[in-house]
């Protein structure tokens, strides 16, 4: 199972090419459970993204997700039900 997951991660990283940094940033910036910095770091490790590039992508993604959640919870962005 571990070899399967590692192989899938490496092939996904090769598929994305240079866009894997933006994909990682976008994945972390989505304010849903399970798409935060810890999971983003795991995805970055599976896709062989160097720490110098995955760190800023995760930090910026968490900041954007935090601003989005703050805007929704304070009423800046109204969610119509």
N, C-alpha and C. Protein backbone atom coordinates (compact mmCIF):
# COMPACT_ATOMS: atom_id res chain seq x y z
N UNK A 1 0.83 -1.19 0.00
CA UNK A 1 0.00 0.00 0.00
C UNK A 1 0.87 1.26 0.00
N UNK A 2 1.93 1.22 0.80
CA UNK A 2 2.81 2.39 0.87
C UNK A 2 3.50 2.62 -0.47
N UNK A 3 3.97 1.56 -1.09
CA UNK A 3 4.61 1.71 -2.40
C UNK A 3 3.63 2.24 -3.43
N UNK A 4 2.38 1.82 -3.37
CA UNK A 4 1.37 2.31 -4.30
C UNK A 4 1.15 3.81 -4.12
N UNK A 5 1.03 4.26 -2.87
CA UNK A 5 0.81 5.68 -2.60
C UNK A 5 2.02 6.50 -3.05
N UNK A 6 3.21 6.03 -2.76
CA UNK A 6 4.41 6.76 -3.17
C UNK A 6 4.51 6.85 -4.69
N UNK A 7 4.20 5.76 -5.37
CA UNK A 7 4.26 5.76 -6.83
C UNK A 7 3.23 6.72 -7.42
N UNK A 8 2.02 6.73 -6.87
CA UNK A 8 0.99 7.65 -7.35
C UNK A 8 1.40 9.10 -7.11
N UNK A 9 2.02 9.39 -5.98
CA UNK A 9 2.48 10.74 -5.69
C UNK A 9 3.56 11.20 -6.64
N UNK A 10 4.49 10.33 -6.93
CA UNK A 10 5.57 10.69 -7.84
C UNK A 10 5.06 10.92 -9.26
N UNK A 11 4.13 10.08 -9.71
CA UNK A 11 3.60 10.27 -11.06
C UNK A 11 2.73 11.52 -11.13
N UNK A 12 2.01 11.84 -10.06
CA UNK A 12 1.21 13.08 -10.05
C UNK A 12 2.12 14.30 -10.07
N UNK A 13 3.21 14.24 -9.34
CA UNK A 13 4.16 15.35 -9.35
C UNK A 13 4.78 15.56 -10.72
N UNK A 14 5.06 14.47 -11.42
CA UNK A 14 5.62 14.59 -12.76
C UNK A 14 4.59 15.12 -13.74
N UNK A 15 3.32 14.77 -13.54
CA UNK A 15 2.26 15.24 -14.43
C UNK A 15 2.07 16.75 -14.34
N UNK A 16 2.12 17.29 -13.12
CA UNK A 16 1.88 18.71 -12.92
C UNK A 16 3.02 19.58 -13.43
N UNK A 17 4.23 19.07 -13.43
CA UNK A 17 5.38 19.87 -13.88
C UNK A 17 5.59 21.07 -12.99
N UNK A 18 5.71 22.25 -13.58
CA UNK A 18 5.92 23.47 -12.80
C UNK A 18 4.64 23.97 -12.14
N UNK A 19 3.49 23.47 -12.55
CA UNK A 19 2.22 23.91 -11.97
C UNK A 19 1.96 23.27 -10.61
N UNK A 20 2.82 22.36 -10.17
CA UNK A 20 2.56 21.69 -8.89
C UNK A 20 2.64 22.65 -7.71
N UNK A 21 3.39 23.75 -7.84
CA UNK A 21 3.45 24.74 -6.77
C UNK A 21 2.11 25.46 -6.66
N UNK A 22 1.53 25.83 -7.80
CA UNK A 22 0.23 26.48 -7.79
C UNK A 22 -0.87 25.51 -7.35
N UNK A 23 -0.75 24.27 -7.74
CA UNK A 23 -1.73 23.27 -7.32
C UNK A 23 -1.67 23.07 -5.81
N UNK A 24 -0.47 23.03 -5.27
CA UNK A 24 -0.30 22.89 -3.82
C UNK A 24 -0.87 24.09 -3.09
N UNK A 25 -0.58 25.29 -3.59
CA UNK A 25 -1.10 26.52 -2.99
C UNK A 25 -2.63 26.52 -3.02
N UNK A 26 -3.21 26.15 -4.14
CA UNK A 26 -4.66 26.14 -4.28
C UNK A 26 -5.29 25.10 -3.36
N UNK A 27 -4.67 23.94 -3.26
CA UNK A 27 -5.18 22.88 -2.39
C UNK A 27 -5.20 23.34 -0.94
N UNK A 28 -4.15 23.99 -0.49
CA UNK A 28 -4.07 24.43 0.90
C UNK A 28 -5.00 25.62 1.14
N UNK A 29 -5.23 26.46 0.13
CA UNK A 29 -6.05 27.66 0.31
C UNK A 29 -7.54 27.37 0.37
N UNK A 30 -7.96 26.18 0.01
CA UNK A 30 -9.38 25.83 0.08
C UNK A 30 -9.75 25.63 1.55
N UNK A 31 -10.68 26.43 2.07
CA UNK A 31 -10.99 26.33 3.52
C UNK A 31 -11.97 25.20 3.84
N UNK A 32 -11.53 23.98 3.64
CA UNK A 32 -12.32 22.81 3.99
C UNK A 32 -11.50 21.92 4.92
N UNK A 33 -12.17 21.10 5.73
CA UNK A 33 -11.41 20.19 6.60
C UNK A 33 -10.58 19.21 5.78
N UNK A 34 -9.35 19.04 6.18
CA UNK A 34 -8.46 18.09 5.51
C UNK A 34 -7.65 18.70 4.37
N UNK A 35 -7.76 20.00 4.15
CA UNK A 35 -6.98 20.62 3.07
C UNK A 35 -6.06 21.70 3.62
N UNK A 36 -5.50 21.48 4.78
CA UNK A 36 -4.66 22.48 5.41
C UNK A 36 -3.18 22.26 5.19
N UNK A 37 -2.39 22.85 6.06
CA UNK A 37 -0.94 22.83 5.91
C UNK A 37 -0.36 21.43 6.12
N UNK A 38 -0.92 20.66 7.05
CA UNK A 38 -0.37 19.33 7.30
C UNK A 38 -0.58 18.42 6.10
N UNK A 39 -1.77 18.42 5.56
CA UNK A 39 -2.05 17.59 4.39
C UNK A 39 -1.29 18.12 3.18
N UNK A 40 -1.20 19.44 3.05
CA UNK A 40 -0.43 20.02 1.96
C UNK A 40 1.04 19.65 2.03
N UNK A 41 1.58 19.59 3.23
CA UNK A 41 2.97 19.18 3.39
C UNK A 41 3.16 17.71 3.02
N UNK A 42 2.19 16.88 3.35
CA UNK A 42 2.25 15.47 2.96
C UNK A 42 2.18 15.33 1.44
N UNK A 43 1.29 16.08 0.81
CA UNK A 43 1.18 16.05 -0.65
C UNK A 43 2.47 16.54 -1.30
N UNK A 44 3.06 17.59 -0.74
CA UNK A 44 4.32 18.12 -1.28
C UNK A 44 5.43 17.09 -1.17
N UNK A 45 5.47 16.37 -0.06
CA UNK A 45 6.49 15.33 0.10
C UNK A 45 6.29 14.20 -0.89
N UNK A 46 5.03 13.82 -1.14
CA UNK A 46 4.76 12.75 -2.09
C UNK A 46 5.08 13.16 -3.52
N UNK A 47 4.92 14.46 -3.82
CA UNK A 47 5.20 14.94 -5.18
C UNK A 47 6.64 15.42 -5.36
N UNK A 48 7.48 15.20 -4.35
CA UNK A 48 8.89 15.61 -4.39
C UNK A 48 9.07 17.10 -4.63
N UNK A 49 8.25 17.92 -3.98
CA UNK A 49 8.40 19.37 -4.06
C UNK A 49 9.42 19.78 -3.00
N UNK A 50 10.45 20.54 -3.37
CA UNK A 50 11.45 20.93 -2.37
C UNK A 50 10.85 21.84 -1.30
N UNK A 51 11.42 21.79 -0.11
CA UNK A 51 10.92 22.56 1.02
C UNK A 51 10.94 24.06 0.74
N UNK A 52 11.93 24.52 -0.01
CA UNK A 52 12.03 25.95 -0.33
C UNK A 52 10.85 26.45 -1.14
N UNK A 53 10.19 25.55 -1.87
CA UNK A 53 9.03 25.95 -2.68
C UNK A 53 7.71 25.55 -2.02
N UNK A 54 7.71 24.44 -1.28
CA UNK A 54 6.45 24.00 -0.67
C UNK A 54 6.12 24.81 0.58
N UNK A 55 7.12 25.28 1.30
CA UNK A 55 6.89 26.07 2.50
C UNK A 55 6.10 27.34 2.24
N UNK A 56 6.58 28.20 1.31
CA UNK A 56 5.81 29.41 1.01
C UNK A 56 4.42 29.12 0.44
N UNK A 57 4.28 28.06 -0.36
CA UNK A 57 2.97 27.72 -0.91
C UNK A 57 2.01 27.35 0.21
N UNK A 58 2.47 26.59 1.18
CA UNK A 58 1.61 26.20 2.31
C UNK A 58 1.29 27.41 3.19
N UNK A 59 2.26 28.24 3.46
CA UNK A 59 2.02 29.41 4.31
C UNK A 59 1.03 30.36 3.66
N UNK A 60 1.21 30.67 2.38
CA UNK A 60 0.28 31.56 1.69
C UNK A 60 -1.11 30.93 1.58
N UNK A 61 -1.18 29.64 1.35
CA UNK A 61 -2.48 28.97 1.29
C UNK A 61 -3.23 29.04 2.60
N UNK A 62 -2.52 28.85 3.71
CA UNK A 62 -3.16 28.93 5.03
C UNK A 62 -3.62 30.36 5.31
N UNK A 63 -2.83 31.34 4.92
CA UNK A 63 -3.24 32.74 5.12
C UNK A 63 -4.49 33.08 4.32
N UNK A 64 -4.54 32.65 3.07
CA UNK A 64 -5.71 32.92 2.25
C UNK A 64 -6.95 32.22 2.81
N UNK A 65 -6.80 30.97 3.24
CA UNK A 65 -7.92 30.23 3.82
C UNK A 65 -8.39 30.91 5.11
N UNK A 66 -7.45 31.40 5.91
CA UNK A 66 -7.81 32.10 7.15
C UNK A 66 -8.56 33.38 6.89
N UNK A 67 -8.13 34.13 5.89
CA UNK A 67 -8.83 35.38 5.54
C UNK A 67 -10.23 35.07 5.02
N UNK A 68 -10.37 34.02 4.23
CA UNK A 68 -11.68 33.64 3.71
C UNK A 68 -12.63 33.24 4.84
N UNK A 69 -12.15 32.44 5.77
CA UNK A 69 -12.99 32.01 6.90
C UNK A 69 -13.34 33.20 7.78
N UNK A 70 -12.39 34.11 8.00
CA UNK A 70 -12.66 35.30 8.81
C UNK A 70 -13.71 36.18 8.13
N UNK A 71 -13.60 36.35 6.81
CA UNK A 71 -14.56 37.18 6.10
C UNK A 71 -15.96 36.58 6.15
N UNK A 72 -16.06 35.27 6.06
CA UNK A 72 -17.36 34.62 6.14
C UNK A 72 -17.93 34.69 7.56
N UNK A 73 -17.09 34.46 8.56
CA UNK A 73 -17.60 34.43 9.93
C UNK A 73 -17.93 35.81 10.49
N UNK A 74 -17.29 36.87 9.99
CA UNK A 74 -17.60 38.22 10.47
C UNK A 74 -18.71 38.86 9.66
N UNK A 75 -19.13 38.25 8.58
CA UNK A 75 -20.23 38.79 7.80
C UNK A 75 -19.79 39.66 6.66
N UNK A 76 -18.51 39.77 6.40
CA UNK A 76 -18.03 40.56 5.26
C UNK A 76 -18.53 39.95 3.97
N UNK A 77 -18.50 38.64 3.90
CA UNK A 77 -19.04 37.90 2.76
C UNK A 77 -20.29 37.17 3.27
N UNK A 78 -21.42 37.52 2.69
CA UNK A 78 -22.68 36.90 3.12
C UNK A 78 -22.93 35.65 2.29
N UNK A 79 -23.22 34.56 2.97
CA UNK A 79 -23.57 33.32 2.29
C UNK A 79 -25.10 33.23 2.32
N UNK A 80 -25.70 33.25 1.15
CA UNK A 80 -27.15 33.20 1.04
C UNK A 80 -27.60 31.76 1.14
N UNK A 81 -28.56 31.52 2.02
CA UNK A 81 -29.06 30.15 2.17
C UNK A 81 -30.42 30.00 1.55
